Amino acid sequence: VGAFIVKGRHGATEVFEPIDPERYTETWVERYQG
């Protein structure tokens, strides 16, 4: 999803969203990744 510097912290946190196979196809995920 992105890297976020949250309030009160200096370093960035890498954030991801788990893929729900009922919602997204493999083709869509690959396209999004690109």
PDB file of all heavy atoms in Angstrom:
ATOM      1  N   VAL A   1       0.838  -1.198   0.000  1.00  0.00           N
ATOM      2  CA  VAL A   1       0.000   0.000   0.000  1.00  0.00           C
ATOM      3  C   VAL A   1       0.873   1.247   0.000  1.00  0.00           C
ATOM      4  O   VAL A   1       0.586   2.223  -0.690  1.00  0.00           O
ATOM      5  CB  VAL A   1      -0.934   0.026   1.226  1.00  0.00           C
ATOM      6  CG1 VAL A   1      -1.741   1.317   1.268  1.00  0.00           C
ATOM      7  CG2 VAL A   1      -1.856  -1.180   1.217  1.00  0.00           C
ATOM      8  N   GLY A   2       1.958   1.219   0.764  1.00  0.00           N
ATOM      9  CA  GLY A   2       2.844   2.366   0.816  1.00  0.00           C
ATOM     10  C   GLY A   2       3.682   2.359   2.072  1.00  0.00           C
ATOM     11  O   GLY A   2       3.603   1.446   2.892  1.00  0.00           O
ATOM     12  N   ALA A   3       4.500   3.396   2.211  1.00  0.00           N
ATOM     13  CA  ALA A   3       5.308   3.601   3.416  1.00  0.00           C
ATOM     14  C   ALA A   3       4.730   4.800   4.148  1.00  0.00           C
ATOM     15  O   ALA A   3       4.477   5.849   3.539  1.00  0.00           O
ATOM     16  CB  ALA A   3       6.766   3.844   3.039  1.00  0.00           C
ATOM     17  N   PHE A   4       4.513   4.651   5.456  1.00  0.00           N
ATOM     18  CA  PHE A   4       3.851   5.684   6.241  1.00  0.00           C
ATOM     19  C   PHE A   4       4.704   6.077   7.441  1.00  0.00           C
ATOM     20  O   PHE A   4       5.176   5.204   8.174  1.00  0.00           O
ATOM     21  CB  PHE A   4       2.486   5.202   6.728  1.00  0.00           C
ATOM     22  CG  PHE A   4       1.493   4.990   5.622  1.00  0.00           C
ATOM     23  CD1 PHE A   4       1.526   3.830   4.856  1.00  0.00           C
ATOM     24  CD2 PHE A   4       0.523   5.947   5.349  1.00  0.00           C
ATOM     25  CE1 PHE A   4       0.616   3.627   3.826  1.00  0.00           C
ATOM     26  CE2 PHE A   4      -0.386   5.754   4.327  1.00  0.00           C
ATOM     27  CZ  PHE A   4      -0.346   4.588   3.559  1.00  0.00           C
ATOM     28  N   ILE A   5       4.894   7.376   7.613  1.00  0.00           N
ATOM     29  CA  ILE A   5       5.502   7.891   8.838  1.00  0.00           C
ATOM     30  C   ILE A   5       4.348   8.338   9.715  1.00  0.00           C
ATOM     31  O   ILE A   5       3.703   9.359   9.431  1.00  0.00           O
ATOM     32  CB  ILE A   5       6.458   9.067   8.553  1.00  0.00           C
ATOM     33  CG1 ILE A   5       7.576   8.617   7.611  1.00  0.00           C
ATOM     34  CG2 ILE A   5       7.044   9.598   9.866  1.00  0.00           C
ATOM     35  CD1 ILE A   5       8.505   9.739   7.193  1.00  0.00           C
ATOM     36  N   VAL A   6       4.053   7.564  10.753  1.00  0.00           N
ATOM     37  CA  VAL A   6       2.906   7.878  11.602  1.00  0.00           C
ATOM     38  C   VAL A   6       3.310   8.896  12.656  1.00  0.00           C
ATOM     39  O   VAL A   6       4.492   9.063  12.974  1.00  0.00           O
ATOM     40  CB  VAL A   6       2.325   6.611  12.262  1.00  0.00           C
ATOM     41  CG1 VAL A   6       1.817   5.645  11.208  1.00  0.00           C
ATOM     42  CG2 VAL A   6       3.355   5.923  13.145  1.00  0.00           C
ATOM     43  N   LYS A   7       2.321   9.583  13.200  1.00  0.00           N
ATOM     44  CA  LYS A   7       2.566  10.630  14.180  1.00  0.00           C
ATOM     45  C   LYS A   7       3.317  10.077  15.389  1.00  0.00           C
ATOM     46  O   LYS A   7       2.972   9.017  15.913  1.00  0.00           O
ATOM     47  CB  LYS A   7       1.238  11.241  14.628  1.00  0.00           C
ATOM     48  CG  LYS A   7       1.405  12.464  15.517  1.00  0.00           C
ATOM     49  CD  LYS A   7       0.067  13.093  15.849  1.00  0.00           C
ATOM     50  CE  LYS A   7       0.251  14.323  16.721  1.00  0.00           C
ATOM     51  NZ  LYS A   7      -1.038  14.959  17.062  1.00  0.00           N
ATOM     52  N   GLY A   8       4.369  10.789  15.794  1.00  0.00           N
ATOM     53  CA  GLY A   8       5.138  10.367  16.954  1.00  0.00           C
ATOM     54  C   GLY A   8       6.295   9.453  16.618  1.00  0.00           C
ATOM     55  O   GLY A   8       7.023   9.029  17.515  1.00  0.00           O
ATOM     56  N   ARG A   9       6.497   9.141  15.314  1.00  0.00           N
ATOM     57  CA  ARG A   9       7.598   8.268  14.917  1.00  0.00           C
ATOM     58  C   ARG A   9       8.393   8.922  13.800  1.00  0.00           C
ATOM     59  O   ARG A   9       7.882   9.754  13.052  1.00  0.00           O
ATOM     60  CB  ARG A   9       7.064   6.920  14.445  1.00  0.00           C
ATOM     61  CG  ARG A   9       6.250   6.204  15.487  1.00  0.00           C
ATOM     62  CD  ARG A   9       6.408   4.729  15.395  1.00  0.00           C
ATOM     63  NE  ARG A   9       5.783   4.084  16.519  1.00  0.00           N
ATOM     64  CZ  ARG A   9       5.902   2.797  16.766  1.00  0.00           C
ATOM     65  NH1 ARG A   9       6.605   2.042  15.969  1.00  0.00           N
ATOM     66  NH2 ARG A   9       5.312   2.267  17.819  1.00  0.00           N
ATOM     67  N   HIS A  10       9.657   8.494  13.685  1.00  0.00           N
ATOM     68  CA  HIS A  10      10.525   9.065  12.663  1.00  0.00           C
ATOM     69  C   HIS A  10      10.692   8.127  11.472  1.00  0.00           C
ATOM     70  O   HIS A  10      10.761   8.577  10.332  1.00  0.00           O
ATOM     71  CB  HIS A  10      11.895   9.401  13.264  1.00  0.00           C
ATOM     72  CG  HIS A  10      11.822  10.415  14.374  1.00  0.00           C
ATOM     73  ND1 HIS A  10      11.473  11.725  14.154  1.00  0.00           N
ATOM     74  CD2 HIS A  10      12.048  10.298  15.707  1.00  0.00           C
ATOM     75  CE1 HIS A  10      11.490  12.387  15.300  1.00  0.00           C
ATOM     76  NE2 HIS A  10      11.837  11.543  16.271  1.00  0.00           N
ATOM     77  N   GLY A  11      10.780   6.821  11.727  1.00  0.00           N
ATOM     78  CA  GLY A  11      10.950   5.870  10.639  1.00  0.00           C
ATOM     79  C   GLY A  11       9.638   5.541   9.958  1.00  0.00           C
ATOM     80  O   GLY A  11       8.549   5.703  10.526  1.00  0.00           O
ATOM     81  N   ALA A  12       9.733   5.085   8.732  1.00  0.00           N
ATOM     82  CA  ALA A  12       8.541   4.724   7.962  1.00  0.00           C
ATOM     83  C   ALA A  12       8.146   3.279   8.222  1.00  0.00           C
ATOM     84  O   ALA A  12       9.002   2.415   8.429  1.00  0.00           O
ATOM     85  CB  ALA A  12       8.792   4.925   6.471  1.00  0.00           C
ATOM     86  N   THR A  13       6.855   3.033   8.239  1.00  0.00           N
ATOM     87  CA  THR A  13       6.299   1.684   8.385  1.00  0.00           C
ATOM     88  C   THR A  13       5.772   1.226   7.038  1.00  0.00           C
ATOM     89  O   THR A  13       4.973   1.923   6.405  1.00  0.00           O
ATOM     90  CB  THR A  13       5.144   1.679   9.411  1.00  0.00           C
ATOM     91  OG1 THR A  13       5.642   2.101  10.685  1.00  0.00           O
ATOM     92  CG2 THR A  13       4.522   0.292   9.535  1.00  0.00           C
ATOM     93  N   GLU A  14       6.234   0.081   6.583  1.00  0.00           N
ATOM     94  CA  GLU A  14       5.744  -0.486   5.325  1.00  0.00           C
ATOM     95  C   GLU A  14       4.380  -1.120   5.575  1.00  0.00           C
ATOM     96  O   GLU A  14       4.238  -1.964   6.470  1.00  0.00           O
ATOM     97  CB  GLU A  14       6.714  -1.535   4.782  1.00  0.00           C
ATOM     98  CG  GLU A  14       8.085  -0.982   4.414  1.00  0.00           C
ATOM     99  CD  GLU A  14       8.052  -0.099   3.186  1.00  0.00           C
ATOM    100  OE1 GLU A  14       7.136  -0.285   2.355  1.00  0.00           O
ATOM    101  OE2 GLU A  14       8.925   0.776   3.061  1.00  0.00           O
ATOM    102  N   VAL A  15       3.408  -0.722   4.798  1.00  0.00           N
ATOM    103  CA  VAL A  15       2.030  -1.180   4.997  1.00  0.00           C
ATOM    104  C   VAL A  15       1.568  -1.980   3.793  1.00  0.00           C
ATOM    105  O   VAL A  15       1.803  -1.593   2.643  1.00  0.00           O
ATOM    106  CB  VAL A  15       1.085   0.019   5.237  1.00  0.00           C
ATOM    107  CG1 VAL A  15      -0.356  -0.455   5.388  1.00  0.00           C
ATOM    108  CG2 VAL A  15       1.532   0.790   6.478  1.00  0.00           C
ATOM    109  N   PHE A  16       0.896  -3.097   4.072  1.00  0.00           N
ATOM    110  CA  PHE A  16       0.380  -3.983   3.037  1.00  0.00           C
ATOM    111  C   PHE A  16      -1.096  -4.280   3.305  1.00  0.00           C
ATOM    112  O   PHE A  16      -1.570  -4.143   4.438  1.00  0.00           O
ATOM    113  CB  PHE A  16       1.150  -5.305   3.017  1.00  0.00           C
ATOM    114  CG  PHE A  16       2.570  -5.191   2.523  1.00  0.00           C
ATOM    115  CD1 PHE A  16       3.558  -4.638   3.326  1.00  0.00           C
ATOM    116  CD2 PHE A  16       2.913  -5.638   1.263  1.00  0.00           C
ATOM    117  CE1 PHE A  16       4.868  -4.509   2.873  1.00  0.00           C
ATOM    118  CE2 PHE A  16       4.219  -5.523   0.794  1.00  0.00           C
ATOM    119  CZ  PHE A  16       5.193  -4.960   1.604  1.00  0.00           C
ATOM    120  N   GLU A  17      -1.777  -4.688   2.270  1.00  0.00           N
ATOM    121  CA  GLU A  17      -3.157  -5.165   2.408  1.00  0.00           C
ATOM    122  C   GLU A  17      -3.203  -6.629   1.992  1.00  0.00           C
ATOM    123  O   GLU A  17      -2.767  -6.964   0.884  1.00  0.00           O
ATOM    124  CB  GLU A  17      -4.112  -4.367   1.525  1.00  0.00           C
ATOM    125  CG  GLU A  17      -5.558  -4.835   1.681  1.00  0.00           C
ATOM    126  CD  GLU A  17      -6.507  -4.241   0.647  1.00  0.00           C
ATOM    127  OE1 GLU A  17      -6.060  -3.946  -0.476  1.00  0.00           O
ATOM    128  OE2 GLU A  17      -7.700  -4.095   0.967  1.00  0.00           O
ATOM    129  N   PRO A  18      -3.711  -7.526   2.850  1.00  0.00           N
ATOM    130  CA  PRO A  18      -3.844  -8.920   2.430  1.00  0.00           C
ATOM    131  C   PRO A  18      -4.887  -9.032   1.326  1.00  0.00           C
ATOM    132  O   PRO A  18      -5.928  -8.373   1.363  1.00  0.00           O
ATOM    133  CB  PRO A  18      -4.278  -9.643   3.704  1.00  0.00           C
ATOM    134  CG  PRO A  18      -4.855  -8.587   4.574  1.00  0.00           C
ATOM    135  CD  PRO A  18      -4.174  -7.308   4.234  1.00  0.00           C
ATOM    136  N   ILE A  19      -4.596  -9.860   0.344  1.00  0.00           N
ATOM    137  CA  ILE A  19      -5.473  -9.998  -0.820  1.00  0.00           C
ATOM    138  C   ILE A  19      -6.575 -10.999  -0.534  1.00  0.00           C
ATOM    139  O   ILE A  19      -6.316 -12.163  -0.221  1.00  0.00           O
ATOM    140  CB  ILE A  19      -4.677 -10.465  -2.055  1.00  0.00           C
ATOM    141  CG1 ILE A  19      -3.601  -9.433  -2.410  1.00  0.00           C
ATOM    142  CG2 ILE A  19      -5.605 -10.709  -3.231  1.00  0.00           C
ATOM    143  CD1 ILE A  19      -4.139  -8.090  -2.802  1.00  0.00           C
ATOM    144  N   ASP A  20      -7.804 -10.534  -0.655  1.00  0.00           N
ATOM    145  CA  ASP A  20      -8.962 -11.416  -0.532  1.00  0.00           C
ATOM    146  C   ASP A  20      -9.236 -12.008  -1.912  1.00  0.00           C
ATOM    147  O   ASP A  20      -9.626 -11.292  -2.836  1.00  0.00           O
ATOM    148  CB  ASP A  20     -10.176 -10.626  -0.049  1.00  0.00           C
ATOM    149  CG  ASP A  20     -11.394 -11.512   0.198  1.00  0.00           C
ATOM    150  OD1 ASP A  20     -11.357 -12.701  -0.187  1.00  0.00           O
ATOM    151  OD2 ASP A  20     -12.381 -11.010   0.763  1.00  0.00           O
ATOM    152  N   PRO A  21      -9.027 -13.331  -2.090  1.00  0.00           N
ATOM    153  CA  PRO A  21      -9.233 -13.932  -3.412  1.00  0.00           C
ATOM    154  C   PRO A  21     -10.668 -13.844  -3.895  1.00  0.00           C
ATOM    155  O   PRO A  21     -10.924 -13.978  -5.093  1.00  0.00           O
ATOM    156  CB  PRO A  21      -8.793 -15.395  -3.211  1.00  0.00           C
ATOM    157  CG  PRO A  21      -8.886 -15.626  -1.737  1.00  0.00           C
ATOM    158  CD  PRO A  21      -8.595 -14.320  -1.088  1.00  0.00           C
ATOM    159  N   GLU A  22     -11.606 -13.609  -2.977  1.00  0.00           N
ATOM    160  CA  GLU A  22     -12.997 -13.420  -3.388  1.00  0.00           C
ATOM    161  C   GLU A  22     -13.223 -12.039  -3.997  1.00  0.00           C
ATOM    162  O   GLU A  22     -14.232 -11.797  -4.648  1.00  0.00           O
ATOM    163  CB  GLU A  22     -13.935 -13.609  -2.186  1.00  0.00           C
ATOM    164  CG  GLU A  22     -13.929 -15.018  -1.618  1.00  0.00           C
ATOM    165  CD  GLU A  22     -14.895 -15.167  -0.463  1.00  0.00           C
ATOM    166  OE1 GLU A  22     -15.686 -14.224  -0.218  1.00  0.00           O
ATOM    167  OE2 GLU A  22     -14.877 -16.227   0.199  1.00  0.00           O
ATOM    168  N   ARG A  23     -12.274 -11.136  -3.769  1.00  0.00           N
ATOM    169  CA  ARG A  23     -12.423  -9.753  -4.242  1.00  0.00           C
ATOM    170  C   ARG A  23     -11.546  -9.451  -5.454  1.00  0.00           C
ATOM    171  O   ARG A  23     -11.965  -8.768  -6.389  1.00  0.00           O
ATOM    172  CB  ARG A  23     -12.092  -8.795  -3.097  1.00  0.00           C
ATOM    173  CG  ARG A  23     -11.986  -7.321  -3.472  1.00  0.00           C
ATOM    174  CD  ARG A  23     -13.331  -6.745  -3.864  1.00  0.00           C
ATOM    175  NE  ARG A  23     -13.236  -5.313  -4.140  1.00  0.00           N
ATOM    176  CZ  ARG A  23     -12.896  -4.778  -5.309  1.00  0.00           C
ATOM    177  NH1 ARG A  23     -12.566  -5.568  -6.319  1.00  0.00           N
ATOM    178  NH2 ARG A  23     -12.852  -3.463  -5.477  1.00  0.00           N
ATOM    179  N   TYR A  24     -10.298  -9.944  -5.452  1.00  0.00           N
ATOM    180  CA  TYR A  24      -9.350  -9.590  -6.504  1.00  0.00           C
ATOM    181  C   TYR A  24      -8.808 -10.825  -7.217  1.00  0.00           C
ATOM    182  O   TYR A  24      -8.464 -11.820  -6.579  1.00  0.00           O
ATOM    183  CB  TYR A  24      -8.160  -8.815  -5.916  1.00  0.00           C
ATOM    184  CG  TYR A  24      -8.542  -7.494  -5.291  1.00  0.00           C
ATOM    185  CD1 TYR A  24      -8.554  -7.344  -3.903  1.00  0.00           C
ATOM    186  CD2 TYR A  24      -8.887  -6.404  -6.070  1.00  0.00           C
ATOM    187  CE1 TYR A  24      -8.894  -6.139  -3.318  1.00  0.00           C
ATOM    188  CE2 TYR A  24      -9.239  -5.192  -5.498  1.00  0.00           C
ATOM    189  CZ  TYR A  24      -9.245  -5.063  -4.122  1.00  0.00           C
ATOM    190  OH  TYR A  24      -9.592  -3.872  -3.542  1.00  0.00           O
ATOM    191  N   THR A  25      -8.682 -10.740  -8.534  1.00  0.00           N
ATOM    192  CA  THR A  25      -8.105 -11.823  -9.323  1.00  0.00           C
ATOM    193  C   THR A  25      -6.584 -11.671  -9.353  1.00  0.00           C
ATOM    194  O   THR A  25      -6.040 -10.594  -9.082  1.00  0.00           O
ATOM    195  CB  THR A  25      -8.628 -11.789 -10.768  1.00  0.00           C
ATOM    196  OG1 THR A  25      -8.174 -10.574 -11.393  1.00  0.00           O
ATOM    197  CG2 THR A  25     -10.150 -11.846 -10.800  1.00  0.00           C
ATOM    198  N   GLU A  26      -5.901 -12.743  -9.711  1.00  0.00           N
ATOM    199  CA  GLU A  26      -4.452 -12.701  -9.834  1.00  0.00           C
ATOM    200  C   GLU A  26      -4.027 -11.673 -10.875  1.00  0.00           C
ATOM    201  O   GLU A  26      -3.037 -10.952 -10.692  1.00  0.00           O
ATOM    202  CB  GLU A  26      -3.922 -14.090 -10.219  1.00  0.00           C
ATOM    203  CG  GLU A  26      -3.897 -15.090  -9.079  1.00  0.00           C
ATOM    204  CD  GLU A  26      -2.841 -14.747  -8.038  1.00  0.00           C
ATOM    205  OE1 GLU A  26      -1.767 -14.239  -8.418  1.00  0.00           O
ATOM    206  OE2 GLU A  26      -3.108 -14.951  -6.842  1.00  0.00           O
ATOM    207  N   THR A  27      -4.782 -11.605 -11.969  1.00  0.00           N
ATOM    208  CA  THR A  27      -4.456 -10.652 -13.037  1.00  0.00           C
ATOM    209  C   THR A  27      -4.516  -9.223 -12.514  1.00  0.00           C
ATOM    210  O   THR A  27      -3.636  -8.401 -12.807  1.00  0.00           O
ATOM    211  CB  THR A  27      -5.431 -10.817 -14.213  1.00  0.00           C
ATOM    212  OG1 THR A  27      -5.338 -12.157 -14.711  1.00  0.00           O
ATOM    213  CG2 THR A  27      -5.109  -9.826 -15.330  1.00  0.00           C
ATOM    214  N   TRP A  28      -5.558  -8.920 -11.719  1.00  0.00           N
ATOM    215  CA  TRP A  28      -5.690  -7.571 -11.178  1.00  0.00           C
ATOM    216  C   TRP A  28      -4.549  -7.245 -10.221  1.00  0.00           C
ATOM    217  O   TRP A  28      -3.991  -6.156 -10.252  1.00  0.00           O
ATOM    218  CB  TRP A  28      -7.031  -7.416 -10.456  1.00  0.00           C
ATOM    219  CG  TRP A  28      -7.156  -6.067  -9.810  1.00  0.00           C
ATOM    220  CD1 TRP A  28      -6.922  -5.730  -8.507  1.00  0.00           C
ATOM    221  CD2 TRP A  28      -7.501  -4.846 -10.462  1.00  0.00           C
ATOM    222  NE1 TRP A  28      -7.117  -4.389  -8.304  1.00  0.00           N
ATOM    223  CE2 TRP A  28      -7.476  -3.814  -9.478  1.00  0.00           C
ATOM    224  CE3 TRP A  28      -7.853  -4.521 -11.781  1.00  0.00           C
ATOM    225  CZ2 TRP A  28      -7.774  -2.494  -9.783  1.00  0.00           C
ATOM    226  CZ3 TRP A  28      -8.156  -3.202 -12.071  1.00  0.00           C
ATOM    227  CH2 TRP A  28      -8.111  -2.203 -11.079  1.00  0.00           C
ATOM    228  N   VAL A  29      -4.186  -8.200  -9.381  1.00  0.00           N
ATOM    229  CA  VAL A  29      -3.112  -7.983  -8.412  1.00  0.00           C
ATOM    230  C   VAL A  29      -1.793  -7.710  -9.135  1.00  0.00           C
ATOM    231  O   VAL A  29      -1.035  -6.803  -8.764  1.00  0.00           O
ATOM    232  CB  VAL A  29      -2.975  -9.180  -7.457  1.00  0.00           C
ATOM    233  CG1 VAL A  29      -1.769  -9.002  -6.535  1.00  0.00           C
ATOM    234  CG2 VAL A  29      -4.242  -9.348  -6.631  1.00  0.00           C
ATOM    235  N   GLU A  30      -1.511  -8.483 -10.172  1.00  0.00           N
ATOM    236  CA  GLU A  30      -0.281  -8.276 -10.937  1.00  0.00           C
ATOM    237  C   GLU A  30      -0.279  -6.901 -11.593  1.00  0.00           C
ATOM    238  O   GLU A  30       0.751  -6.209 -11.629  1.00  0.00           O
ATOM    239  CB  GLU A  30      -0.138  -9.370 -12.009  1.00  0.00           C
ATOM    240  CG  GLU A  30       0.083 -10.769 -11.452  1.00  0.00           C
ATOM    241  CD  GLU A  30       1.374 -10.888 -10.655  1.00  0.00           C
ATOM    242  OE1 GLU A  30       2.313 -10.108 -10.908  1.00  0.00           O
ATOM    243  OE2 GLU A  30       1.440 -11.757  -9.762  1.00  0.00           O
ATOM    244  N   ARG A  31      -1.424  -6.493 -12.097  1.00  0.00           N
ATOM    245  CA  ARG A  31      -1.529  -5.178 -12.722  1.00  0.00           C
ATOM    246  C   ARG A  31      -1.295  -4.073 -11.696  1.00  0.00           C
ATOM    247  O   ARG A  31      -0.576  -3.107 -11.952  1.00  0.00           O
ATOM    248  CB  ARG A  31      -2.897  -5.034 -13.384  1.00  0.00           C
ATOM    249  CG  ARG A  31      -3.041  -3.792 -14.234  1.00  0.00           C
ATOM    250  CD  ARG A  31      -4.395  -3.764 -14.912  1.00  0.00           C
ATOM    251  NE  ARG A  31      -4.612  -2.498 -15.590  1.00  0.00           N
ATOM    252  CZ  ARG A  31      -5.766  -2.121 -16.129  1.00  0.00           C
ATOM    253  NH1 ARG A  31      -6.813  -2.941 -16.078  1.00  0.00           N
ATOM    254  NH2 ARG A  31      -5.881  -0.946 -16.719  1.00  0.00           N
ATOM    255  N   TYR A  32      -1.908  -4.222 -10.531  1.00  0.00           N
ATOM    256  CA  TYR A  32      -1.710  -3.244  -9.461  1.00  0.00           C
ATOM    257  C   TYR A  32      -0.240  -3.178  -9.041  1.00  0.00           C
ATOM    258  O   TYR A  32       0.318  -2.089  -8.842  1.00  0.00           O
ATOM    259  CB  TYR A  32      -2.588  -3.589  -8.253  1.00  0.00           C
ATOM    260  CG  TYR A  32      -2.266  -2.747  -7.033  1.00  0.00           C
ATOM    261  CD1 TYR A  32      -2.855  -1.493  -6.863  1.00  0.00           C
ATOM    262  CD2 TYR A  32      -1.356  -3.189  -6.072  1.00  0.00           C
ATOM    263  CE1 TYR A  32      -2.542  -0.703  -5.762  1.00  0.00           C
ATOM    264  CE2 TYR A  32      -1.037  -2.398  -4.976  1.00  0.00           C
ATOM    265  CZ  TYR A  32      -1.630  -1.166  -4.827  1.00  0.00           C
ATOM    266  OH  TYR A  32      -1.307  -0.381  -3.741  1.00  0.00           O
ATOM    267  N   GLN A  33       0.390  -4.340  -8.910  1.00  0.00           N
ATOM    268  CA  GLN A  33       1.801  -4.385  -8.494  1.00  0.00           C
ATOM    269  C   GLN A  33       2.669  -3.606  -9.470  1.00  0.00           C
ATOM    270  O   GLN A  33       3.574  -2.861  -9.064  1.00  0.00           O
ATOM    271  CB  GLN A  33       2.282  -5.841  -8.431  1.00  0.00           C
ATOM    272  CG  GLN A  33       1.616  -6.679  -7.359  1.00  0.00           C
ATOM    273  CD  GLN A  33       2.390  -6.707  -6.053  1.00  0.00           C
ATOM    274  OE1 GLN A  33       3.006  -5.709  -5.686  1.00  0.00           O
ATOM    275  NE2 GLN A  33       2.358  -7.807  -5.348  1.00  0.00           N
ATOM    276  N   GLY A  34       2.394  -3.773 -10.771  1.00  0.00           N
ATOM    277  CA  GLY A  34       3.182  -3.064 -11.775  1.00  0.00           C
ATOM    278  C   GLY A  34       3.033  -1.560 -11.647  1.00  0.00           C
ATOM    279  O   GLY A  34       4.021  -0.811 -11.741  1.00  0.00           O
TER     280      GLY A  34
END
